[in-house]
Amino acid sequence: MKTFKTLFIVVLIAITALSTFPAYADRGHGGHWSGGCWGCGALILGAVIATDIAITQAQQPVYVSPSPVYVQPAPQSVYVSAPVQPQIQSWYYCKSVNGYYPYVTICPEGWLAVPMQPPR
């Protein structure tokens, strides 16, 4: 595209330069107007400049900002467990036999749960 623009400008400048020759061709006519174009060069030069401006403005890139993207986050599932209560380990004591399970296997009045204590 740039070579086409350069070639176009060179050709228009050449046409402008050659269009001034009819102004010098009136030597044998007594100095009156001989059908040449007085000022055609300025007209063509103006056309070249206007074309150059139009081409330059048409080639400028257009920047378009991308449209915003909205992403809705997925609902998060929250797992809530029941609070873990520490299990209190118990020993089972029988009063009538005066012993603990598993050393005593039968207790006639029922077992008494006693919180476990570490040995001292």
PDB file of N, CA and C in Angstrom:
ATOM      1  N   MET A   1       0.830  -1.180   0.000  1.00  0.00           N
ATOM      2  CA  MET A   1       0.000   0.000   0.000  1.00  0.00           C
ATOM      3  C   MET A   1       0.873   1.242   0.000  1.00  0.00           C
ATOM      4  N   LYS A   2       2.012   1.160   0.663  1.00  0.00           N
ATOM      5  CA  LYS A   2       2.895   2.310   0.744  1.00  0.00           C
ATOM      6  C   LYS A   2       3.526   2.606  -0.620  1.00  0.00           C
ATOM      7  N   THR A   3       3.834   1.545  -1.388  1.00  0.00           N
ATOM      8  CA  THR A   3       4.420   1.778  -2.708  1.00  0.00           C
ATOM      9  C   THR A   3       3.381   2.388  -3.645  1.00  0.00           C
ATOM     10  N   PHE A   4       2.107   1.994  -3.513  1.00  0.00           N
ATOM     11  CA  PHE A   4       1.054   2.576  -4.338  1.00  0.00           C
ATOM     12  C   PHE A   4       0.898   4.058  -4.018  1.00  0.00           C
ATOM     13  N   LYS A   5       0.973   4.405  -2.765  1.00  0.00           N
ATOM     14  CA  LYS A   5       0.847   5.797  -2.350  1.00  0.00           C
ATOM     15  C   LYS A   5       1.994   6.626  -2.894  1.00  0.00           C
ATOM     16  N   THR A   6       3.194   6.102  -2.800  1.00  0.00           N
ATOM     17  CA  THR A   6       4.366   6.820  -3.309  1.00  0.00           C
ATOM     18  C   THR A   6       4.280   6.992  -4.817  1.00  0.00           C
ATOM     19  N   LEU A   7       3.903   5.946  -5.534  1.00  0.00           N
ATOM     20  CA  LEU A   7       3.768   6.025  -6.990  1.00  0.00           C
ATOM     21  C   LEU A   7       2.694   7.028  -7.382  1.00  0.00           C
ATOM     22  N   PHE A   8       1.591   7.031  -6.633  1.00  0.00           N
ATOM     23  CA  PHE A   8       0.502   7.956  -6.910  1.00  0.00           C
ATOM     24  C   PHE A   8       0.960   9.404  -6.740  1.00  0.00           C
ATOM     25  N   ILE A   9       1.697   9.687  -5.701  1.00  0.00           N
ATOM     26  CA  ILE A   9       2.193  11.048  -5.459  1.00  0.00           C
ATOM     27  C   ILE A   9       3.188  11.465  -6.533  1.00  0.00           C
ATOM     28  N   VAL A  10       4.088  10.569  -6.936  1.00  0.00           N
ATOM     29  CA  VAL A  10       5.074  10.896  -7.971  1.00  0.00           C
ATOM     30  C   VAL A  10       4.373  11.201  -9.291  1.00  0.00           C
ATOM     31  N   VAL A  11       3.367  10.405  -9.638  1.00  0.00           N
ATOM     32  CA  VAL A  11       2.643  10.642 -10.887  1.00  0.00           C
ATOM     33  C   VAL A  11       1.908  11.978 -10.833  1.00  0.00           C
ATOM     34  N   LEU A  12       1.288  12.306  -9.728  1.00  0.00           N
ATOM     35  CA  LEU A  12       0.578  13.573  -9.625  1.00  0.00           C
ATOM     36  C   LEU A  12       1.522  14.768  -9.659  1.00  0.00           C
ATOM     37  N   ILE A  13       2.685  14.624  -9.058  1.00  0.00           N
ATOM     38  CA  ILE A  13       3.675  15.712  -9.136  1.00  0.00           C
ATOM     39  C   ILE A  13       4.150  15.888 -10.569  1.00  0.00           C
ATOM     40  N   ALA A  14       4.344  14.774 -11.283  1.00  0.00           N
ATOM     41  CA  ALA A  14       4.757  14.869 -12.691  1.00  0.00           C
ATOM     42  C   ALA A  14       3.673  15.550 -13.525  1.00  0.00           C
ATOM     43  N   ILE A  15       2.425  15.209 -13.279  1.00  0.00           N
ATOM     44  CA  ILE A  15       1.326  15.851 -14.015  1.00  0.00           C
ATOM     45  C   ILE A  15       1.277  17.345 -13.695  1.00  0.00           C
ATOM     46  N   THR A  16       1.500  17.698 -12.446  1.00  0.00           N
ATOM     47  CA  THR A  16       1.500  19.104 -12.051  1.00  0.00           C
ATOM     48  C   THR A  16       2.624  19.864 -12.759  1.00  0.00           C
ATOM     49  N   ALA A  17       3.789  19.252 -12.799  1.00  0.00           N
ATOM     50  CA  ALA A  17       4.924  19.921 -13.451  1.00  0.00           C
ATOM     51  C   ALA A  17       4.686  20.059 -14.954  1.00  0.00           C
ATOM     52  N   LEU A  18       4.129  19.050 -15.591  1.00  0.00           N
ATOM     53  CA  LEU A  18       3.901  19.107 -17.031  1.00  0.00           C
ATOM     54  C   LEU A  18       2.736  20.018 -17.409  1.00  0.00           C
ATOM     55  N   SER A  19       1.825  20.268 -16.461  1.00  0.00           N
ATOM     56  CA  SER A  19       0.682  21.117 -16.774  1.00  0.00           C
ATOM     57  C   SER A  19       1.067  22.585 -16.887  1.00  0.00           C
ATOM     58  N   THR A  20       2.241  22.959 -16.435  1.00  0.00           N
ATOM     59  CA  THR A  20       2.671  24.356 -16.547  1.00  0.00           C
ATOM     60  C   THR A  20       3.247  24.676 -17.921  1.00  0.00           C
ATOM     61  N   PHE A  21       3.515  23.668 -18.764  1.00  0.00           N
ATOM     62  CA  PHE A  21       4.080  23.928 -20.090  1.00  0.00           C
ATOM     63  C   PHE A  21       3.154  24.734 -21.000  1.00  0.00           C
ATOM     64  N   PRO A  22       1.848  24.565 -20.972  1.00  0.00           N
ATOM     65  CA  PRO A  22       1.021  25.404 -21.848  1.00  0.00           C
ATOM     66  C   PRO A  22       1.161  26.891 -21.557  1.00  0.00           C
ATOM     67  N   ALA A  23       1.579  27.273 -20.373  1.00  0.00           N
ATOM     68  CA  ALA A  23       1.769  28.681 -20.060  1.00  0.00           C
ATOM     69  C   ALA A  23       2.918  29.270 -20.859  1.00  0.00           C
ATOM     70  N   TYR A  24       3.888  28.475 -21.204  1.00  0.00           N
ATOM     71  CA  TYR A  24       5.037  28.955 -21.960  1.00  0.00           C
ATOM     72  C   TYR A  24       4.856  28.757 -23.474  1.00  0.00           C
ATOM     73  N   ALA A  25       3.755  28.186 -23.900  1.00  0.00           N
ATOM     74  CA  ALA A  25       3.553  27.884 -25.308  1.00  0.00           C
ATOM     75  C   ALA A  25       2.903  29.023 -26.080  1.00  0.00           C
ATOM     76  N   ASP A  26       2.683  30.176 -25.474  1.00  0.00           N
ATOM     77  CA  ASP A  26       1.986  31.257 -26.147  1.00  0.00           C
ATOM     78  C   ASP A  26       2.927  32.249 -26.834  1.00  0.00           C
ATOM     79  N   ARG A  27       4.164  31.919 -27.092  1.00  0.00           N
ATOM     80  CA  ARG A  27       5.116  32.862 -27.662  1.00  0.00           C
ATOM     81  C   ARG A  27       4.702  33.344 -29.054  1.00  0.00           C
ATOM     82  N   GLY A  28       4.101  32.511 -29.780  1.00  0.00           N
ATOM     83  CA  GLY A  28       3.750  32.926 -31.124  1.00  0.00           C
ATOM     84  C   GLY A  28       2.347  33.488 -31.217  1.00  0.00           C
ATOM     85  N   HIS A  29       1.663  33.644 -30.112  1.00  0.00           N
ATOM     86  CA  HIS A  29       0.277  34.100 -30.152  1.00  0.00           C
ATOM     87  C   HIS A  29       0.099  35.513 -29.641  1.00  0.00           C
ATOM     88  N   GLY A  30       1.126  36.161 -29.371  1.00  0.00           N
ATOM     89  CA  GLY A  30       1.015  37.556 -28.982  1.00  0.00           C
ATOM     90  C   GLY A  30       0.664  37.763 -27.527  1.00  0.00           C
ATOM     91  N   GLY A  31       0.833  36.803 -26.710  1.00  0.00           N
ATOM     92  CA  GLY A  31       0.651  36.974 -25.282  1.00  0.00           C
ATOM     93  C   GLY A  31      -0.773  36.818 -24.797  1.00  0.00           C
ATOM     94  N   HIS A  32      -1.686  36.445 -25.678  1.00  0.00           N
ATOM     95  CA  HIS A  32      -3.043  36.231 -25.175  1.00  0.00           C
ATOM     96  C   HIS A  32      -3.218  34.774 -24.762  1.00  0.00           C
ATOM     97  N   TRP A  33      -4.380  34.515 -24.160  1.00  0.00           N
ATOM     98  CA  TRP A  33      -4.635  33.163 -23.634  1.00  0.00           C
ATOM     99  C   TRP A  33      -4.869  32.217 -24.783  1.00  0.00           C
ATOM    100  N   SER A  34      -4.151  31.083 -24.751  1.00  0.00           N
ATOM    101  CA  SER A  34      -4.204  30.166 -25.874  1.00  0.00           C
ATOM    102  C   SER A  34      -4.933  28.877 -25.540  1.00  0.00           C
ATOM    103  N   GLY A  35      -5.809  28.882 -24.572  1.00  0.00           N
ATOM    104  CA  GLY A  35      -6.551  27.677 -24.214  1.00  0.00           C
ATOM    105  C   GLY A  35      -5.847  26.833 -23.174  1.00  0.00           C
ATOM    106  N   GLY A  36      -4.701  27.275 -22.676  1.00  0.00           N
ATOM    107  CA  GLY A  36      -3.986  26.540 -21.627  1.00  0.00           C
ATOM    108  C   GLY A  36      -4.662  26.762 -20.284  1.00  0.00           C
ATOM    109  N   CYS A  37      -4.244  26.059 -19.322  1.00  0.00           N
ATOM    110  CA  CYS A  37      -4.853  26.142 -17.994  1.00  0.00           C
ATOM    111  C   CYS A  37      -3.903  26.893 -17.080  1.00  0.00           C
ATOM    112  N   TRP A  38      -4.199  28.179 -16.829  1.00  0.00           N
ATOM    113  CA  TRP A  38      -3.370  28.974 -15.927  1.00  0.00           C
ATOM    114  C   TRP A  38      -3.742  28.618 -14.486  1.00  0.00           C
ATOM    115  N   GLY A  39      -2.942  28.029 -13.707  1.00  0.00           N
ATOM    116  CA  GLY A  39      -3.255  27.650 -12.321  1.00  0.00           C
ATOM    117  C   GLY A  39      -3.700  26.213 -12.164  1.00  0.00           C
ATOM    118  N   CYS A  40      -3.607  25.432 -13.234  1.00  0.00           N
ATOM    119  CA  CYS A  40      -3.959  24.013 -13.099  1.00  0.00           C
ATOM    120  C   CYS A  40      -2.983  23.289 -12.170  1.00  0.00           C
ATOM    121  N   GLY A  41      -1.757  23.768 -12.173  1.00  0.00           N
ATOM    122  CA  GLY A  41      -0.749  23.151 -11.307  1.00  0.00           C
ATOM    123  C   GLY A  41      -1.129  23.264  -9.841  1.00  0.00           C
ATOM    124  N   ALA A  42      -1.617  24.441  -9.432  1.00  0.00           N
ATOM    125  CA  ALA A  42      -2.033  24.633  -8.040  1.00  0.00           C
ATOM    126  C   ALA A  42      -3.247  23.769  -7.722  1.00  0.00           C
ATOM    127  N   LEU A  43      -4.141  23.659  -8.702  1.00  0.00           N
ATOM    128  CA  LEU A  43      -5.323  22.835  -8.504  1.00  0.00           C
ATOM    129  C   LEU A  43      -4.956  21.358  -8.331  1.00  0.00           C
ATOM    130  N   ILE A  44      -4.063  20.887  -9.162  1.00  0.00           N
ATOM    131  CA  ILE A  44      -3.635  19.478  -9.078  1.00  0.00           C
ATOM    132  C   ILE A  44      -2.834  19.235  -7.797  1.00  0.00           C
ATOM    133  N   LEU A  45      -1.977  20.193  -7.425  1.00  0.00           N
ATOM    134  CA  LEU A  45      -1.203  20.053  -6.185  1.00  0.00           C
ATOM    135  C   LEU A  45      -2.150  19.989  -4.985  1.00  0.00           C
ATOM    136  N   GLY A  46      -3.187  20.792  -4.994  1.00  0.00           N
ATOM    137  CA  GLY A  46      -4.179  20.740  -3.918  1.00  0.00           C
ATOM    138  C   GLY A  46      -4.877  19.397  -3.879  1.00  0.00           C
ATOM    139  N   ALA A  47      -5.180  18.848  -5.059  1.00  0.00           N
ATOM    140  CA  ALA A  47      -5.810  17.528  -5.118  1.00  0.00           C
ATOM    141  C   ALA A  47      -4.882  16.455  -4.572  1.00  0.00           C
ATOM    142  N   VAL A  48      -3.583  16.565  -4.879  1.00  0.00           N
ATOM    143  CA  VAL A  48      -2.600  15.599  -4.369  1.00  0.00           C
ATOM    144  C   VAL A  48      -2.531  15.669  -2.850  1.00  0.00           C
ATOM    145  N   ILE A  49      -2.481  16.858  -2.310  1.00  0.00           N
ATOM    146  CA  ILE A  49      -2.384  17.009  -0.858  1.00  0.00           C
ATOM    147  C   ILE A  49      -3.652  16.489  -0.181  1.00  0.00           C
ATOM    148  N   ALA A  50      -4.819  16.808  -0.746  1.00  0.00           N
ATOM    149  CA  ALA A  50      -6.076  16.338  -0.171  1.00  0.00           C
ATOM    150  C   ALA A  50      -6.169  14.813  -0.225  1.00  0.00           C
ATOM    151  N   THR A  51      -5.711  14.218  -1.346  1.00  0.00           N
ATOM    152  CA  THR A  51      -5.730  12.761  -1.469  1.00  0.00           C
ATOM    153  C   THR A  51      -4.786  12.122  -0.455  1.00  0.00           C
ATOM    154  N   ASP A  52      -3.618  12.738  -0.282  1.00  0.00           N
ATOM    155  CA  ASP A  52      -2.657  12.208   0.684  1.00  0.00           C
ATOM    156  C   ASP A  52      -3.227  12.250   2.100  1.00  0.00           C
ATOM    157  N   ILE A  53      -3.892  13.313   2.446  1.00  0.00           N
ATOM    158  CA  ILE A  53      -4.490  13.417   3.783  1.00  0.00           C
ATOM    159  C   ILE A  53      -5.599  12.380   3.954  1.00  0.00           C
ATOM    160  N   ALA A  54      -6.421  12.213   2.920  1.00  0.00           N
ATOM    161  CA  ALA A  54      -7.512  11.238   3.001  1.00  0.00           C
ATOM    162  C   ALA A  54      -6.993   9.817   3.139  1.00  0.00           C
ATOM    163  N   ILE A  55      -5.943   9.490   2.386  1.00  0.00           N
ATOM    164  CA  ILE A  55      -5.369   8.136   2.470  1.00  0.00           C
ATOM    165  C   ILE A  55      -4.736   7.907   3.838  1.00  0.00           C
ATOM    166  N   THR A  56      -4.038   8.922   4.343  1.00  0.00           N
ATOM    167  CA  THR A  56      -3.380   8.788   5.648  1.00  0.00           C
ATOM    168  C   THR A  56      -4.410   8.586   6.748  1.00  0.00           C
ATOM    169  N   GLN A  57      -5.497   9.343   6.707  1.00  0.00           N
ATOM    170  CA  GLN A  57      -6.512   9.203   7.746  1.00  0.00           C
ATOM    171  C   GLN A  57      -7.264   7.888   7.629  1.00  0.00           C
ATOM    172  N   ALA A  58      -7.420   7.373   6.431  1.00  0.00           N
ATOM    173  CA  ALA A  58      -8.137   6.110   6.247  1.00  0.00           C
ATOM    174  C   ALA A  58      -7.311   4.922   6.727  1.00  0.00           C
ATOM    175  N   GLN A  59      -5.986   5.080   6.777  1.00  0.00           N
ATOM    176  CA  GLN A  59      -5.121   3.959   7.154  1.00  0.00           C
ATOM    177  C   GLN A  59      -4.846   3.880   8.642  1.00  0.00           C
ATOM    178  N   GLN A  60      -5.256   4.862   9.417  1.00  0.00           N
ATOM    179  CA  GLN A  60      -4.969   4.827  10.848  1.00  0.00           C
ATOM    180  C   GLN A  60      -5.768   3.708  11.495  1.00  0.00           C
ATOM    181  N   PRO A  61      -5.107   2.944  12.370  1.00  0.00           N
ATOM    182  CA  PRO A  61      -5.793   1.807  12.997  1.00  0.00           C
ATOM    183  C   PRO A  61      -6.864   2.287  13.980  1.00  0.00           C
ATOM    184  N   VAL A  62      -7.879   1.505  14.107  1.00  0.00           N
ATOM    185  CA  VAL A  62      -8.954   1.789  15.038  1.00  0.00           C
ATOM    186  C   VAL A  62      -8.830   0.801  16.193  1.00  0.00           C
ATOM    187  N   TYR A  63      -8.715   1.334  17.378  1.00  0.00           N
ATOM    188  CA  TYR A  63      -8.574   0.487  18.554  1.00  0.00           C
ATOM    189  C   TYR A  63      -9.930   0.363  19.232  1.00  0.00           C
ATOM    190  N   VAL A  64     -10.349  -0.860  19.429  1.00  0.00           N
ATOM    191  CA  VAL A  64     -11.626  -1.134  20.081  1.00  0.00           C
ATOM    192  C   VAL A  64     -11.323  -1.917  21.345  1.00  0.00           C
ATOM    193  N   SER A  65     -11.799  -1.393  22.444  1.00  0.00           N
ATOM    194  CA  SER A  65     -11.560  -2.112  23.695  1.00  0.00           C
ATOM    195  C   SER A  65     -12.497  -3.318  23.758  1.00  0.00           C
ATOM    196  N   PRO A  66     -11.997  -4.414  24.284  1.00  0.00           N
ATOM    197  CA  PRO A  66     -12.847  -5.610  24.348  1.00  0.00           C
ATOM    198  C   PRO A  66     -13.998  -5.390  25.323  1.00  0.00           C
ATOM    199  N   SER A  67     -15.089  -6.029  25.047  1.00  0.00           N
ATOM    200  CA  SER A  67     -16.241  -5.901  25.933  1.00  0.00           C
ATOM    201  C   SER A  67     -15.948  -6.640  27.232  1.00  0.00           C
ATOM    202  N   PRO A  68     -16.449  -6.115  28.344  1.00  0.00           N
ATOM    203  CA  PRO A  68     -16.159  -6.764  29.624  1.00  0.00           C
ATOM    204  C   PRO A  68     -16.816  -8.135  29.714  1.00  0.00           C
ATOM    205  N   VAL A  69     -16.135  -9.011  30.406  1.00  0.00           N
ATOM    206  CA  VAL A  69     -16.646 -10.366  30.608  1.00  0.00           C
ATOM    207  C   VAL A  69     -16.975 -10.510  32.088  1.00  0.00           C
ATOM    208  N   TYR A  70     -18.211 -10.876  32.345  1.00  0.00           N
ATOM    209  CA  TYR A  70     -18.641 -11.057  33.722  1.00  0.00           C
ATOM    210  C   TYR A  70     -18.758 -12.550  34.007  1.00  0.00           C
ATOM    211  N   VAL A  71     -18.076 -12.972  35.040  1.00  0.00           N
ATOM    212  CA  VAL A  71     -18.095 -14.382  35.425  1.00  0.00           C
ATOM    213  C   VAL A  71     -18.693 -14.472  36.816  1.00  0.00           C
ATOM    214  N   GLN A  72     -19.758 -15.221  36.926  1.00  0.00           N
ATOM    215  CA  GLN A  72     -20.381 -15.412  38.221  1.00  0.00           C
ATOM    216  C   GLN A  72     -19.725 -16.612  38.883  1.00  0.00           C
ATOM    217  N   PRO A  73     -19.173 -16.408  40.059  1.00  0.00           N
ATOM    218  CA  PRO A  73     -18.500 -17.533  40.711  1.00  0.00           C
ATOM    219  C   PRO A  73     -19.503 -18.628  41.072  1.00  0.00           C
ATOM    220  N   ALA A  74     -19.030 -19.826  40.983  1.00  0.00           N
ATOM    221  CA  ALA A  74     -19.874 -20.972  41.319  1.00  0.00           C
ATOM    222  C   ALA A  74     -20.148 -20.957  42.818  1.00  0.00           C
ATOM    223  N   PRO A  75     -21.333 -21.347  43.207  1.00  0.00           N
ATOM    224  CA  PRO A  75     -21.615 -21.367  44.647  1.00  0.00           C
ATOM    225  C   PRO A  75     -20.719 -22.390  45.341  1.00  0.00           C
ATOM    226  N   GLN A  76     -20.168 -21.960  46.418  1.00  0.00           N
ATOM    227  CA  GLN A  76     -19.262 -22.845  47.147  1.00  0.00           C
ATOM    228  C   GLN A  76     -20.054 -23.619  48.184  1.00  0.00           C
ATOM    229  N   SER A  77     -19.853 -24.890  48.178  1.00  0.00           N
ATOM    230  CA  SER A  77     -20.526 -25.700  49.183  1.00  0.00           C
ATOM    231  C   SER A  77     -19.623 -25.764  50.409  1.00  0.00           C
ATOM    232  N   VAL A  78     -20.214 -25.503  51.512  1.00  0.00           N
ATOM    233  CA  VAL A  78     -19.470 -25.490  52.764  1.00  0.00           C
ATOM    234  C   VAL A  78     -19.890 -26.706  53.572  1.00  0.00           C
ATOM    235  N   TYR A  79     -18.932 -27.483  53.925  1.00  0.00           N
ATOM    236  CA  TYR A  79     -19.199 -28.677  54.712  1.00  0.00           C
ATOM    237  C   TYR A  79     -18.956 -28.334  56.171  1.00  0.00           C
ATOM    238  N   VAL A  80     -20.009 -28.438  56.934  1.00  0.00           N
ATOM    239  CA  VAL A  80     -19.890 -28.171  58.362  1.00  0.00           C
ATOM    240  C   VAL A  80     -20.172 -29.477  59.087  1.00  0.00           C
ATOM    241  N   SER A  81     -19.179 -29.948  59.766  1.00  0.00           N
ATOM    242  CA  SER A  81     -19.368 -31.190  60.517  1.00  0.00           C
ATOM    243  C   SER A  81     -19.756 -30.845  61.948  1.00  0.00           C
ATOM    244  N   ALA A  82     -20.354 -31.789  62.568  1.00  0.00           N
ATOM    245  CA  ALA A  82     -20.719 -31.601  63.971  1.00  0.00           C
ATOM    246  C   ALA A  82     -19.434 -31.493  64.781  1.00  0.00           C
ATOM    247  N   PRO A  83     -19.464 -30.643  65.763  1.00  0.00           N
ATOM    248  CA  PRO A  83     -18.235 -30.510  66.548  1.00  0.00           C
ATOM    249  C   PRO A  83     -17.865 -31.850  67.203  1.00  0.00           C
ATOM    250  N   VAL A  84     -16.620 -32.138  67.104  1.00  0.00           N
ATOM    251  CA  VAL A  84     -16.137 -33.403  67.653  1.00  0.00           C
ATOM    252  C   VAL A  84     -15.922 -33.216  69.146  1.00  0.00           C
ATOM    253  N   GLN A  85     -16.659 -33.989  69.891  1.00  0.00           N
ATOM    254  CA  GLN A  85     -16.494 -33.929  71.335  1.00  0.00           C
ATOM    255  C   GLN A  85     -15.547 -35.056  71.735  1.00  0.00           C
ATOM    256  N   PRO A  86     -14.640 -34.711  72.560  1.00  0.00           N
ATOM    257  CA  PRO A  86     -13.706 -35.765  72.973  1.00  0.00           C
ATOM    258  C   PRO A  86     -14.459 -36.837  73.764  1.00  0.00           C
ATOM    259  N   GLN A  87     -14.191 -38.047  73.364  1.00  0.00           N
ATOM    260  CA  GLN A  87     -14.835 -39.152  74.078  1.00  0.00           C
ATOM    261  C   GLN A  87     -14.121 -39.356  75.404  1.00  0.00           C
ATOM    262  N   ILE A  88     -14.920 -39.379  76.404  1.00  0.00           N
ATOM    263  CA  ILE A  88     -14.343 -39.637  77.718  1.00  0.00           C
ATOM    264  C   ILE A  88     -14.345 -41.145  77.895  1.00  0.00           C
ATOM    265  N   GLN A  89     -13.156 -41.664  77.938  1.00  0.00           N
ATOM    266  CA  GLN A  89     -13.072 -43.115  78.109  1.00  0.00           C
ATOM    267  C   GLN A  89     -13.343 -43.468  79.574  1.00  0.00           C
ATOM    268  N   SER A  90     -14.062 -44.511  79.703  1.00  0.00           N
ATOM    269  CA  SER A  90     -14.463 -44.910  81.069  1.00  0.00           C
ATOM    270  C   SER A  90     -14.007 -46.329  81.371  1.00  0.00           C
ATOM    271  N   TRP A  91     -13.778 -46.523  82.622  1.00  0.00           N
ATOM    272  CA  TRP A  91     -13.597 -47.864  83.128  1.00  0.00           C
ATOM    273  C   TRP A  91     -14.910 -48.262  83.770  1.00  0.00           C
ATOM    274  N   TYR A  92     -15.177 -49.526  83.804  1.00  0.00           N
ATOM    275  CA  TYR A  92     -16.427 -49.994  84.399  1.00  0.00           C
ATOM    276  C   TYR A  92     -16.109 -50.729  85.698  1.00  0.00           C
ATOM    277  N   TYR A  93     -16.717 -50.236  86.793  1.00  0.00           N
ATOM    278  CA  TYR A  93     -16.418 -50.745  88.144  1.00  0.00           C
ATOM    279  C   TYR A  93     -17.651 -51.417  88.728  1.00  0.00           C
ATOM    280  N   CYS A  94     -17.415 -52.520  89.390  1.00  0.00           N
ATOM    281  CA  CYS A  94     -18.490 -53.251  90.086  1.00  0.00           C
ATOM    282  C   CYS A  94     -18.216 -53.168  91.591  1.00  0.00           C
ATOM    283  N   LYS A  95     -19.164 -52.536  92.335  1.00  0.00           N
ATOM    284  CA  LYS A  95     -18.971 -52.320  93.776  1.00  0.00           C
ATOM    285  C   LYS A  95     -19.015 -53.630  94.591  1.00  0.00           C
ATOM    286  N   SER A  96     -19.961 -54.493  94.242  1.00  0.00           N
ATOM    287  CA  SER A  96     -20.121 -55.705  95.055  1.00  0.00           C
ATOM    288  C   SER A  96     -18.913 -56.635  94.930  1.00  0.00           C
ATOM    289  N   VAL A  97     -18.276 -56.670  93.801  1.00  0.00           N
ATOM    290  CA  VAL A  97     -17.124 -57.548  93.601  1.00  0.00           C
ATOM    291  C   VAL A  97     -15.833 -56.786  93.880  1.00  0.00           C
ATOM    292  N   ASN A  98     -15.920 -55.450  93.872  1.00  0.00           N
ATOM    293  CA  ASN A  98     -14.782 -54.569  94.089  1.00  0.00           C
ATOM    294  C   ASN A  98     -13.704 -54.800  93.022  1.00  0.00           C
ATOM    295  N   GLY A  99     -14.172 -54.745  91.716  1.00  0.00           N
ATOM    296  CA  GLY A  99     -13.231 -54.951  90.617  1.00  0.00           C
ATOM    297  C   GLY A  99     -13.698 -54.246  89.329  1.00  0.00           C
ATOM    298  N   TYR A 100     -12.800 -54.168  88.398  1.00  0.00           N
ATOM    299  CA  TYR A 100     -13.053 -53.500  87.115  1.00  0.00           C
ATOM    300  C   TYR A 100     -13.204 -54.520  86.006  1.00  0.00           C
ATOM    301  N   TYR A 101     -13.987 -54.111  84.975  1.00  0.00           N
ATOM    302  CA  TYR A 101     -14.111 -54.923  83.764  1.00  0.00           C
ATOM    303  C   TYR A 101     -12.829 -54.744  82.977  1.00  0.00           C
ATOM    304  N   PRO A 102     -12.238 -55.661  82.374  1.00  0.00           N
ATOM    305  CA  PRO A 102     -12.521 -57.021  81.979  1.00  0.00           C
ATOM    306  C   PRO A 102     -12.040 -58.043  82.993  1.00  0.00           C
ATOM    307  N   TYR A 103     -11.488 -57.575  84.135  1.00  0.00           N
ATOM    308  CA  TYR A 103     -11.020 -58.544  85.117  1.00  0.00           C
ATOM    309  C   TYR A 103     -12.198 -59.223  85.805  1.00  0.00           C
ATOM    310  N   VAL A 104     -13.281 -58.473  85.946  1.00  0.00           N
ATOM    311  CA  VAL A 104     -14.514 -59.044  86.509  1.00  0.00           C
ATOM    312  C   VAL A 104     -15.496 -59.085  85.363  1.00  0.00           C
ATOM    313  N   THR A 105     -16.070 -60.234  85.070  1.00  0.00           N
ATOM    314  CA  THR A 105     -16.947 -60.362  83.915  1.00  0.00           C
ATOM    315  C   THR A 105     -18.421 -60.254  84.276  1.00  0.00           C
ATOM    316  N   ILE A 106     -18.802 -60.482  85.521  1.00  0.00           N
ATOM    317  CA  ILE A 106     -20.206 -60.445  85.926  1.00  0.00           C
ATOM    318  C   ILE A 106     -20.334 -59.499  87.109  1.00  0.00           C
ATOM    319  N   CYS A 107     -21.328 -58.576  87.001  1.00  0.00           N
ATOM    320  CA  CYS A 107     -21.593 -57.647  88.092  1.00  0.00           C
ATOM    321  C   CYS A 107     -23.085 -57.699  88.380  1.00  0.00           C
ATOM    322  N   PRO A 108     -23.522 -58.239  89.537  1.00  0.00           N
ATOM    323  CA  PRO A 108     -24.940 -58.433  89.818  1.00  0.00           C
ATOM    324  C   PRO A 108     -25.739 -57.128  89.896  1.00  0.00           C
ATOM    325  N   GLU A 109     -25.210 -56.063  90.420  1.00  0.00           N
ATOM    326  CA  GLU A 109     -25.999 -54.838  90.559  1.00  0.00           C
ATOM    327  C   GLU A 109     -25.822 -53.868  89.396  1.00  0.00           C
ATOM    328  N   GLY A 110     -24.985 -54.109  88.408  1.00  0.00           N
ATOM    329  CA  GLY A 110     -24.750 -53.242  87.253  1.00  0.00           C
ATOM    330  C   GLY A 110     -23.420 -52.511  87.359  1.00  0.00           C
ATOM    331  N   TRP A 111     -22.922 -52.145  86.256  1.00  0.00           N
ATOM    332  CA  TRP A 111     -21.611 -51.516  86.188  1.00  0.00           C
ATOM    333  C   TRP A 111     -21.701 -50.021  86.456  1.00  0.00           C
ATOM    334  N   LEU A 112     -20.692 -49.495  87.072  1.00  0.00           N
ATOM    335  CA  LEU A 112     -20.578 -48.076  87.347  1.00  0.00           C
ATOM    336  C   LEU A 112     -19.465 -47.530  86.458  1.00  0.00           C
ATOM    337  N   ALA A 113     -19.822 -46.528  85.591  1.00  0.00           N
ATOM    338  CA  ALA A 113     -18.807 -45.940  84.695  1.00  0.00           C
ATOM    339  C   ALA A 113     -17.969 -44.951  85.485  1.00  0.00           C
ATOM    340  N   VAL A 114     -16.662 -45.155  85.452  1.00  0.00           N
ATOM    341  CA  VAL A 114     -15.713 -44.298  86.171  1.00  0.00           C
ATOM    342  C   VAL A 114     -14.775 -43.707  85.122  1.00  0.00           C
ATOM    343  N   PRO A 115     -14.585 -42.354  85.127  1.00  0.00           N
ATOM    344  CA  PRO A 115     -13.646 -41.790  84.144  1.00  0.00           C
ATOM    345  C   PRO A 115     -12.253 -42.391  84.319  1.00  0.00           C
ATOM    346  N   MET A 116     -11.651 -42.690  83.184  1.00  0.00           N
ATOM    347  CA  MET A 116     -10.345 -43.330  83.202  1.00  0.00           C
ATOM    348  C   MET A 116      -9.295 -42.346  83.663  1.00  0.00           C
ATOM    349  N   GLN A 117      -8.385 -42.825  84.492  1.00  0.00           N
ATOM    350  CA  GLN A 117      -7.294 -41.998  84.989  1.00  0.00           C
ATOM    351  C   GLN A 117      -5.996 -42.690  84.673  1.00  0.00           C
ATOM    352  N   PRO A 118      -5.050 -41.927  84.226  1.00  0.00           N
ATOM    353  CA  PRO A 118      -3.758 -42.561  83.941  1.00  0.00           C
ATOM    354  C   PRO A 118      -3.114 -43.040  85.232  1.00  0.00           C
ATOM    355  N   PRO A 119      -2.304 -44.086  85.119  1.00  0.00           N
ATOM    356  CA  PRO A 119      -1.651 -44.591  86.339  1.00  0.00           C
ATOM    357  C   PRO A 119      -0.660 -43.557  86.864  1.00  0.00           C
ATOM    358  N   ARG A 120      -0.520 -43.586  88.187  1.00  0.00           N
ATOM    359  CA  ARG A 120       0.365 -42.600  88.814  1.00  0.00           C
ATOM    360  C   ARG A 120       1.676 -43.185  89.198  1.00  0.00           C
TER     361      ARG A 120
END
